[in-house]
Amino acid sequence: GRAVSTQRRFLGNLKIPVSSVYRSQVIEGVFQLNVPPALLGYTFKRGGDNEDSAPSTPLLSVYIVLKPSLMVPKTFQETVNTGEDDALVRYSQKWSKEIVSLNMLHTRGIKCIVSTTSGLSVFLPRFVHPLSPPPGVLSGDGKKVLEGPSGACCGEADLRRMMRFVSLIPAAPEWVRFRRRQDVWPTCREMMDVCTGDHEEHALLLCNFFLGVGVDAYMVLGAGMRSPRAALVLTRGAALAL
């Protein structure tokens, strides 16, 4: 017969937190592997017919399920003092219940009122507002693509510099910084003062920077395949093709 040789070779890794499997119950999809810069003895196929095209990233098909399944706990609701008008709080709570009651959205986590570092409940959209990037982030090379409310002009290179700036801020979960079970939302200034934040605060800061230079940007909250909580920045228009 034919001899078969089995070798243990490291080709890449994929990290899926147990908390994601626990809350999502099922993780299914095709994910990119985190591949080291050099793999001795292996070559990757090109993404296209052109020899100059970038090599394709290895993919891994994954199906993970907990058996027996575990009951997902309900979201902890902590009672805090409100800093908003009572009518606005009641309307936001009513709106959230109506949205969640829809068949297609019954599993969505809808947030309208969040807690601040001072212990008050604040209307979430108040955190989203134009913010000028710090000095030195915008190159000012004169290649004007967008002009923000403050008069700041930027091009695609400046938008990438803003994303790079936000990505350099260290990430830390809330329970490490605040020692609380409740979801706490610091302002962008508070995040910059402590020089750390979670995924929501990074997305909020980048969204506000984009708004400050005239990009039509939105903050999107949801759940990802590899994380039970996700925060993204959505942009509209042809000025930002990233």
Protein backbone atom coordinates (compact mmCIF):
# COMPACT_ATOMS: atom_id res chain seq x y z
CA GLY A 1 0.00 0.00 0.00
CA ARG A 2 0.91 3.65 -0.14
CA ALA A 3 2.68 5.16 2.87
CA VAL A 4 1.00 8.20 4.45
CA SER A 5 3.10 10.73 6.34
CA THR A 6 1.37 13.02 8.85
CA GLN A 7 3.23 16.14 9.95
CA ARG A 8 2.33 18.78 12.52
CA ARG A 9 2.89 22.17 10.90
CA PHE A 10 1.75 25.55 12.11
CA LEU A 11 -0.07 27.31 9.25
CA GLY A 12 -2.02 29.91 11.19
CA ASN A 13 -4.45 30.42 14.04
CA LEU A 14 -8.03 31.45 14.64
CA LYS A 15 -9.35 32.80 17.93
CA ILE A 16 -13.04 32.47 18.83
CA PRO A 17 -13.84 33.32 22.46
CA VAL A 18 -15.86 30.82 24.46
CA SER A 19 -18.18 33.69 25.42
CA SER A 20 -19.09 34.12 21.74
CA VAL A 21 -20.07 30.46 21.43
CA TYR A 22 -21.97 30.67 24.72
CA ARG A 23 -24.06 33.68 23.72
CA SER A 24 -24.49 32.84 20.04
CA GLN A 25 -25.12 29.12 20.72
CA VAL A 26 -23.82 28.31 17.22
CA ILE A 27 -20.76 29.63 15.39
CA GLU A 28 -20.80 28.74 11.70
CA GLY A 29 -18.93 30.32 8.82
CA VAL A 30 -15.70 30.65 6.91
CA PHE A 31 -13.00 32.70 8.63
CA GLN A 32 -9.59 33.98 7.61
CA LEU A 33 -6.61 32.51 9.42
CA ASN A 34 -4.06 34.72 11.11
CA VAL A 35 -0.98 33.72 9.16
CA PRO A 36 2.61 34.57 10.19
CA PRO A 37 4.64 36.73 7.78
CA ALA A 38 6.76 33.75 6.67
CA LEU A 39 5.87 30.08 6.30
CA LEU A 40 8.92 28.07 5.28
CA GLY A 41 8.17 25.45 2.68
CA TYR A 42 4.73 26.83 1.72
CA THR A 43 3.52 29.22 -0.95
CA PHE A 44 0.10 30.86 -1.28
CA LYS A 45 -1.92 31.01 -4.45
CA ARG A 46 -2.39 34.43 -6.00
CA GLY A 47 -5.78 36.08 -5.67
CA GLY A 48 -6.05 36.54 -9.44
CA ASP A 49 -4.45 35.60 -12.74
CA ASN A 50 -1.99 38.49 -12.51
CA GLU A 51 1.35 37.56 -10.98
CA ASP A 52 1.44 40.92 -9.17
CA SER A 53 -1.84 40.26 -7.38
CA ALA A 54 -1.74 39.75 -3.62
CA PRO A 55 -1.71 36.14 -2.36
CA SER A 56 -5.02 34.80 -1.11
CA THR A 57 -5.44 34.34 2.63
CA PRO A 58 -6.06 30.79 3.90
CA LEU A 59 -9.63 30.16 5.01
CA LEU A 60 -11.05 27.76 7.57
CA SER A 61 -14.61 26.45 7.62
CA VAL A 62 -15.85 26.29 11.22
CA TYR A 63 -18.95 24.87 12.89
CA ILE A 64 -19.03 25.09 16.70
CA VAL A 65 -21.99 24.26 18.93
CA LEU A 66 -22.39 23.54 22.62
CA LYS A 67 -24.00 20.20 23.46
CA PRO A 68 -25.89 20.17 25.68
CA SER A 69 -26.77 23.80 25.08
CA LEU A 70 -26.56 26.24 27.98
CA MET A 71 -29.18 28.82 28.84
CA VAL A 72 -28.07 32.34 27.92
CA PRO A 73 -28.57 34.70 30.88
CA LYS A 74 -30.72 37.76 30.51
CA THR A 75 -29.00 41.10 30.18
CA PHE A 76 -28.37 42.61 33.60
CA GLN A 77 -30.34 45.82 34.05
CA GLU A 78 -29.01 48.13 36.71
CA THR A 79 -31.16 50.97 38.02
CA VAL A 80 -29.31 54.28 37.86
CA ASN A 81 -30.21 57.93 38.18
CA THR A 82 -31.31 59.43 34.90
CA GLY A 83 -29.97 62.68 33.50
CA GLU A 84 -32.61 62.89 30.77
CA ASP A 85 -36.16 64.14 30.63
CA ASP A 86 -38.64 61.55 31.91
CA ALA A 87 -40.71 61.80 28.73
CA LEU A 88 -37.65 60.99 26.59
CA VAL A 89 -36.75 58.01 28.78
CA ARG A 90 -40.28 56.60 28.64
CA TYR A 91 -40.49 57.08 24.87
CA SER A 92 -37.11 55.42 24.27
CA GLN A 93 -38.10 52.44 26.42
CA LYS A 94 -41.40 52.11 24.58
CA TRP A 95 -39.64 52.36 21.20
CA SER A 96 -37.09 49.69 22.22
CA LYS A 97 -39.84 47.26 23.27
CA GLU A 98 -41.71 47.81 19.99
CA ILE A 99 -38.57 47.13 17.94
CA VAL A 100 -37.61 44.00 19.90
CA SER A 101 -41.16 42.66 19.61
CA LEU A 102 -40.77 42.36 15.83
CA ASN A 103 -40.12 38.81 14.65
CA MET A 104 -36.98 39.66 12.72
CA LEU A 105 -35.48 41.76 15.53
CA HIS A 106 -36.40 39.87 18.69
CA THR A 107 -32.78 38.82 19.27
CA ARG A 108 -31.31 42.29 18.71
CA GLY A 109 -29.86 44.25 21.60
CA ILE A 110 -31.33 47.74 21.25
CA LYS A 111 -29.68 50.51 23.27
CA CYS A 112 -31.21 53.93 23.80
CA ILE A 113 -30.17 54.88 27.33
CA VAL A 114 -26.65 54.14 28.60
CA SER A 115 -24.77 54.83 31.83
CA THR A 116 -21.97 57.38 32.03
CA THR A 117 -18.91 57.31 34.29
CA SER A 118 -20.70 59.71 36.65
CA GLY A 119 -23.52 57.19 37.19
CA LEU A 120 -26.20 59.01 35.16
CA SER A 121 -28.30 57.59 32.33
CA VAL A 122 -27.90 59.51 29.08
CA PHE A 123 -29.53 59.25 25.65
CA LEU A 124 -27.02 57.28 23.56
CA PRO A 125 -27.11 59.45 20.39
CA ARG A 126 -25.76 62.37 22.46
CA PHE A 127 -22.32 60.71 22.35
CA VAL A 128 -22.19 61.00 18.55
CA HIS A 129 -21.09 64.49 17.45
CA PRO A 130 -18.39 65.99 15.19
CA LEU A 131 -14.95 66.08 16.79
CA SER A 132 -11.81 67.62 15.31
CA PRO A 133 -8.82 65.25 15.18
CA PRO A 134 -5.84 66.14 17.38
CA PRO A 135 -3.07 68.33 15.90
CA GLY A 136 -0.71 66.36 13.71
CA VAL A 137 -3.23 63.73 12.61
CA LEU A 138 -4.24 65.65 9.48
CA SER A 139 -1.33 66.01 7.09
CA GLY A 140 -2.58 69.24 5.51
CA ASP A 141 -1.03 68.33 2.17
CA GLY A 142 -3.62 70.39 0.33
CA LYS A 143 -5.33 67.41 -1.33
CA LYS A 144 -8.81 68.44 -0.32
CA VAL A 145 -11.49 65.79 -0.60
CA LEU A 146 -13.79 66.73 2.27
CA GLU A 147 -14.28 69.79 4.41
CA GLY A 148 -15.61 69.41 7.94
CA PRO A 149 -17.79 71.75 10.03
CA SER A 150 -14.70 73.21 11.70
CA GLY A 151 -13.08 73.98 8.34
CA ALA A 152 -10.65 71.04 8.49
CA CYS A 153 -9.89 69.58 5.07
CA CYS A 154 -8.68 66.06 4.44
CA GLY A 155 -8.06 63.45 1.81
CA GLU A 156 -8.04 59.67 1.82
CA ALA A 157 -4.56 59.59 3.37
CA ASP A 158 -5.83 61.69 6.28
CA LEU A 159 -8.77 59.33 6.82
CA ARG A 160 -6.35 56.44 7.02
CA ARG A 161 -4.22 58.40 9.49
CA MET A 162 -7.28 58.90 11.70
CA MET A 163 -8.02 55.17 11.63
CA ARG A 164 -4.39 54.46 12.46
CA PHE A 165 -4.47 56.96 15.34
CA VAL A 166 -7.56 55.35 16.90
CA SER A 167 -6.15 51.84 16.46
CA LEU A 168 -3.06 52.77 18.48
CA ILE A 169 -5.13 53.47 21.60
CA PRO A 170 -4.87 50.38 23.85
CA ALA A 171 -8.01 48.28 24.27
CA ALA A 172 -9.26 47.10 27.66
CA PRO A 173 -12.65 45.64 28.68
CA GLU A 174 -14.98 47.64 30.90
CA TRP A 175 -14.82 45.32 33.90
CA VAL A 176 -11.07 45.91 34.09
CA ARG A 177 -11.41 49.70 34.09
CA PHE A 178 -14.65 50.29 36.00
CA ARG A 179 -15.15 47.09 38.05
CA ARG A 180 -18.87 47.18 37.27
CA ARG A 181 -21.29 44.79 35.59
CA GLN A 182 -23.20 47.64 33.98
CA ASP A 183 -22.20 48.86 30.52
CA VAL A 184 -20.44 52.21 31.07
CA TRP A 185 -19.95 54.78 28.32
CA PRO A 186 -17.20 57.37 28.88
CA THR A 187 -16.96 60.40 26.62
CA CYS A 188 -14.27 60.68 23.96
CA ARG A 189 -12.37 63.14 26.18
CA GLU A 190 -12.46 60.70 29.09
CA MET A 191 -11.21 57.94 26.81
CA MET A 192 -8.31 60.09 25.63
CA ASP A 193 -7.47 61.10 29.21
CA VAL A 194 -7.03 57.48 30.36
CA CYS A 195 -5.67 56.42 26.93
CA THR A 196 -7.66 53.17 26.82
CA GLY A 197 -11.11 52.00 25.78
CA ASP A 198 -13.18 49.09 24.56
CA HIS A 199 -14.48 48.39 21.06
CA GLU A 200 -17.47 50.72 21.46
CA GLU A 201 -15.33 53.67 22.53
CA HIS A 202 -12.86 53.12 19.70
CA ALA A 203 -15.71 53.07 17.18
CA LEU A 204 -17.29 56.16 18.76
CA LEU A 205 -14.04 58.14 18.61
CA LEU A 206 -13.41 57.21 14.97
CA CYS A 207 -17.00 58.03 14.02
CA ASN A 208 -16.74 61.47 15.66
CA PHE A 209 -13.41 62.13 13.92
CA PHE A 210 -14.98 61.27 10.56
CA LEU A 211 -17.95 63.54 11.29
CA GLY A 212 -15.53 66.32 12.21
CA VAL A 213 -13.96 66.30 8.74
CA GLY A 214 -17.23 65.99 6.83
CA VAL A 215 -17.58 62.23 6.33
CA ASP A 216 -21.15 60.91 6.44
CA ALA A 217 -20.44 58.41 9.23
CA TYR A 218 -22.58 56.35 11.60
CA MET A 219 -21.84 54.11 14.57
CA VAL A 220 -23.31 50.61 14.30
CA LEU A 221 -23.79 48.34 17.32
CA GLY A 222 -24.50 44.64 17.01
CA ALA A 223 -23.12 41.16 17.47
CA GLY A 224 -20.35 39.52 15.48
CA MET A 225 -19.55 35.92 14.65
CA ARG A 226 -16.34 36.09 16.65
CA SER A 227 -17.57 38.43 19.37
CA PRO A 228 -20.92 38.63 21.20
CA ARG A 229 -20.68 42.44 21.07
CA ALA A 230 -19.47 44.42 18.09
CA ALA A 231 -19.17 48.11 17.23
CA LEU A 232 -18.48 49.33 13.70
CA VAL A 233 -18.24 52.63 11.82
CA LEU A 234 -20.41 52.88 8.70
CA THR A 235 -19.62 55.50 6.06
CA ARG A 236 -21.66 56.58 3.06
CA GLY A 237 -20.51 58.25 -0.13
CA ALA A 238 -17.73 57.79 -2.65
CA ALA A 239 -15.21 59.95 -0.78
CA LEU A 240 -14.21 57.07 1.49
CA ALA A 241 -13.54 53.87 -0.42
CA LEU A 242 -11.70 51.96 2.32
